Protein backbone atom coordinates (compact mmCIF):
# COMPACT_ATOMS: atom_id res chain seq x y z
CA MET A 1 38.93 -28.02 -113.51
CA THR A 2 42.49 -28.00 -112.27
CA ASP A 3 41.70 -26.43 -108.89
CA CYS A 4 38.76 -28.71 -108.01
CA LYS A 5 39.74 -31.47 -105.61
CA THR A 6 36.43 -33.22 -106.30
CA CYS A 7 37.21 -33.39 -110.02
CA ALA A 8 40.61 -34.91 -109.19
CA LEU A 9 38.87 -37.58 -107.08
CA VAL A 10 36.41 -38.34 -109.91
CA GLU A 11 39.37 -38.66 -112.30
CA ARG A 12 41.04 -41.12 -109.90
CA ARG A 13 37.84 -43.20 -109.94
CA ASP A 14 37.74 -43.03 -113.74
CA GLU A 15 41.33 -44.36 -113.81
CA GLY A 16 40.37 -47.23 -111.50
CA THR A 17 42.91 -46.24 -108.84
CA ALA A 18 40.49 -45.16 -106.09
CA PRO A 19 40.39 -47.21 -102.87
CA PRO A 20 37.18 -49.16 -102.16
CA TRP A 21 35.78 -46.53 -99.77
CA ASP A 22 36.13 -43.92 -102.53
CA SER A 23 34.32 -45.92 -105.18
CA ILE A 24 31.40 -47.67 -103.50
CA MET A 25 29.11 -47.34 -106.48
CA ARG A 26 29.16 -45.53 -109.83
CA THR A 27 26.22 -44.62 -112.04
CA PRO A 28 26.27 -42.67 -115.30
CA GLY A 29 25.92 -39.36 -113.43
CA TRP A 30 26.96 -40.01 -109.83
CA ASP A 31 29.65 -41.60 -107.65
CA VAL A 32 28.84 -42.89 -104.16
CA VAL A 33 31.78 -42.54 -101.76
CA HIS A 34 32.49 -42.50 -98.03
CA SER A 35 33.54 -39.10 -96.72
CA TYR A 36 37.30 -39.10 -96.20
CA ASN A 37 37.27 -36.64 -93.31
CA SER A 38 34.32 -37.62 -91.14
CA ALA A 39 34.32 -38.98 -87.63
CA LEU A 40 30.99 -40.68 -88.39
CA GLU A 41 30.92 -44.15 -89.90
CA GLY A 42 28.75 -44.32 -93.00
CA TRP A 43 28.84 -40.60 -93.88
CA LEU A 44 28.37 -40.94 -97.62
CA VAL A 45 28.67 -38.43 -100.41
CA LEU A 46 26.93 -38.62 -103.78
CA VAL A 47 29.26 -36.82 -106.19
CA ALA A 48 28.26 -35.51 -109.60
CA ARG A 49 30.63 -37.12 -112.11
CA ARG A 50 30.98 -33.95 -114.14
CA HIS A 51 31.94 -30.56 -112.80
CA LEU A 52 29.01 -28.34 -111.93
CA THR A 53 28.60 -25.89 -109.09
CA ALA A 54 24.81 -25.71 -108.62
CA LEU A 55 21.93 -28.16 -108.70
CA ALA A 56 20.27 -26.02 -111.39
CA GLU A 57 23.06 -27.14 -113.74
CA LEU A 58 22.03 -30.82 -113.56
CA THR A 59 20.91 -32.39 -116.80
CA ASP A 60 17.50 -34.04 -116.81
CA ALA A 61 19.25 -37.44 -116.75
CA GLU A 62 21.39 -36.51 -113.73
CA ALA A 63 18.37 -35.13 -111.88
CA ASP A 64 16.24 -38.16 -112.74
CA GLU A 65 18.96 -40.43 -111.40
CA LEU A 66 19.51 -38.50 -108.14
CA GLY A 67 16.14 -39.08 -106.42
CA PRO A 68 16.09 -42.86 -106.74
CA LEU A 69 19.80 -42.99 -105.86
CA ILE A 70 19.18 -41.08 -102.62
CA ARG A 71 16.47 -43.57 -101.66
CA ARG A 72 18.56 -46.59 -102.64
CA VAL A 73 21.62 -45.42 -100.72
CA SER A 74 19.48 -44.44 -97.70
CA LEU A 75 18.03 -47.96 -97.59
CA ALA A 76 21.53 -49.46 -97.83
CA LEU A 77 22.78 -47.17 -95.03
CA HIS A 78 19.87 -48.23 -92.84
CA GLU A 79 20.64 -51.89 -93.52
CA VAL A 80 24.40 -51.60 -92.94
CA THR A 81 24.54 -49.11 -90.06
CA GLY A 82 21.14 -49.64 -88.44
CA CYS A 83 20.58 -45.87 -88.53
CA ALA A 84 17.18 -44.48 -87.56
CA LYS A 85 17.18 -42.05 -90.49
CA THR A 86 19.44 -40.32 -92.96
CA TYR A 87 20.15 -36.63 -93.30
CA LEU A 88 20.52 -35.05 -96.71
CA ALA A 89 22.50 -31.85 -97.40
CA GLN A 90 24.03 -30.11 -100.41
CA PHE A 91 26.12 -26.93 -100.31
CA ALA A 92 29.19 -27.19 -102.61
CA GLU A 93 30.78 -24.22 -100.84
CA HIS A 94 34.10 -25.58 -99.52
CA PRO A 95 36.98 -23.91 -101.39
CA ASP A 96 38.36 -27.33 -102.48
CA HIS A 97 34.94 -28.79 -103.28
CA ARG A 98 32.80 -26.24 -105.16
CA HIS A 99 31.55 -29.20 -107.19
CA VAL A 100 28.01 -30.49 -106.63
CA HIS A 101 28.03 -33.26 -104.06
CA VAL A 102 25.24 -34.43 -101.78
CA HIS A 103 25.88 -35.55 -98.20
CA LEU A 104 23.84 -38.56 -97.08
CA ILE A 105 24.46 -38.94 -93.37
CA PRO A 106 23.27 -41.77 -91.12
CA ARG A 107 21.69 -40.62 -87.84
CA ALA A 108 21.63 -43.38 -85.26
CA ALA A 109 18.99 -43.67 -82.55
CA ASP A 110 21.73 -42.94 -80.00
CA HIS A 111 23.34 -40.17 -82.08
CA PRO A 112 25.20 -37.56 -80.00
CA VAL A 113 22.73 -34.86 -78.95
CA GLY A 114 25.21 -32.12 -79.90
CA ALA A 115 25.34 -33.42 -83.47
CA ILE A 116 21.62 -33.61 -84.26
CA GLY A 117 20.26 -31.85 -87.35
CA PRO A 118 22.60 -29.31 -88.95
CA ASN A 119 24.99 -29.76 -86.01
CA VAL A 120 25.97 -33.10 -87.57
CA PHE A 121 28.52 -31.07 -89.54
CA ARG A 122 30.50 -30.86 -86.30
CA LEU A 123 31.53 -34.45 -87.13
CA ILE A 124 33.30 -33.62 -90.39
CA GLY A 125 36.36 -31.60 -91.28
CA ASP A 126 39.52 -30.60 -89.53
CA GLY A 127 39.60 -30.83 -85.75
CA VAL A 128 36.55 -33.08 -85.31
CA GLY A 129 38.40 -35.87 -83.63
CA GLU A 130 39.59 -39.10 -85.15
CA PRO A 131 38.21 -39.61 -88.66
CA VAL A 132 36.93 -43.05 -89.60
CA GLY A 133 39.95 -45.15 -90.56
CA ARG A 134 40.58 -46.27 -94.13
CA GLU A 135 40.29 -49.97 -93.21
CA ARG A 136 36.91 -49.41 -91.56
CA MET A 137 35.70 -47.32 -94.52
CA ASP A 138 36.70 -50.18 -96.85
CA GLU A 139 34.72 -52.64 -94.70
CA LEU A 140 31.67 -50.37 -94.82
CA ALA A 141 32.11 -49.98 -98.58
CA ALA A 142 32.04 -53.76 -99.03
CA ASP A 143 28.89 -54.09 -96.91
CA LEU A 144 27.23 -51.20 -98.73
CA ARG A 145 28.01 -52.74 -102.13
CA VAL A 146 26.18 -55.90 -101.06
CA ALA A 147 23.20 -53.91 -99.77
CA LEU A 148 23.12 -51.74 -102.92
CA ALA A 149 23.06 -54.84 -105.14
CA VAL A 150 19.59 -55.73 -103.84
CA ASP A 151 16.77 -54.59 -106.12
CA ARG A 152 14.30 -52.73 -103.87
CA ARG A 153 11.81 -51.49 -106.47
C-alpha cells in the first residue's frame, strides 16, 4: 500500500533501518514498537506485519499469535514501567494508519485522572504536549527487550 504510513514503517523494519524504539520485537505476524507520538512512556503498539484493515482479516496464525503476545508484552510493560495495568485498544481509523495495529498502554497507579480509560487517548497525537523523546524510547526499548526475553510460560 503506497498510502499506508504503517506499511512504510513495517518496510523500514524489514530493511533493518528502524531505530530501536521502532523495532522492539518482531514475530512472524507482529511488530512491537513504541508509539512515536505519545506523551506517555511505554505506550506500545502491536502492528500486523502485513496490510489488513480489520481484525476479521487475520489469519489463524496471526490471531493465535496475538493473544499470547498481548500477555507477554503486558508482563514486560509491568516489569519495566511498574504500571498497575495495561489498556488494550484497536481502531485502525487514522487516515495514515488504516492498518491493523493494537495499542497496549501502561496505566500507572498515579496515572492522570483526566487520562483514565478511553481518555488515555488524550496523551497521543498532535497537541498533547511533549512526546516521549527518541533517546528515552530507545532506553525503554532496550529494557523491554530484556523483559521480553524471559520465558513466562
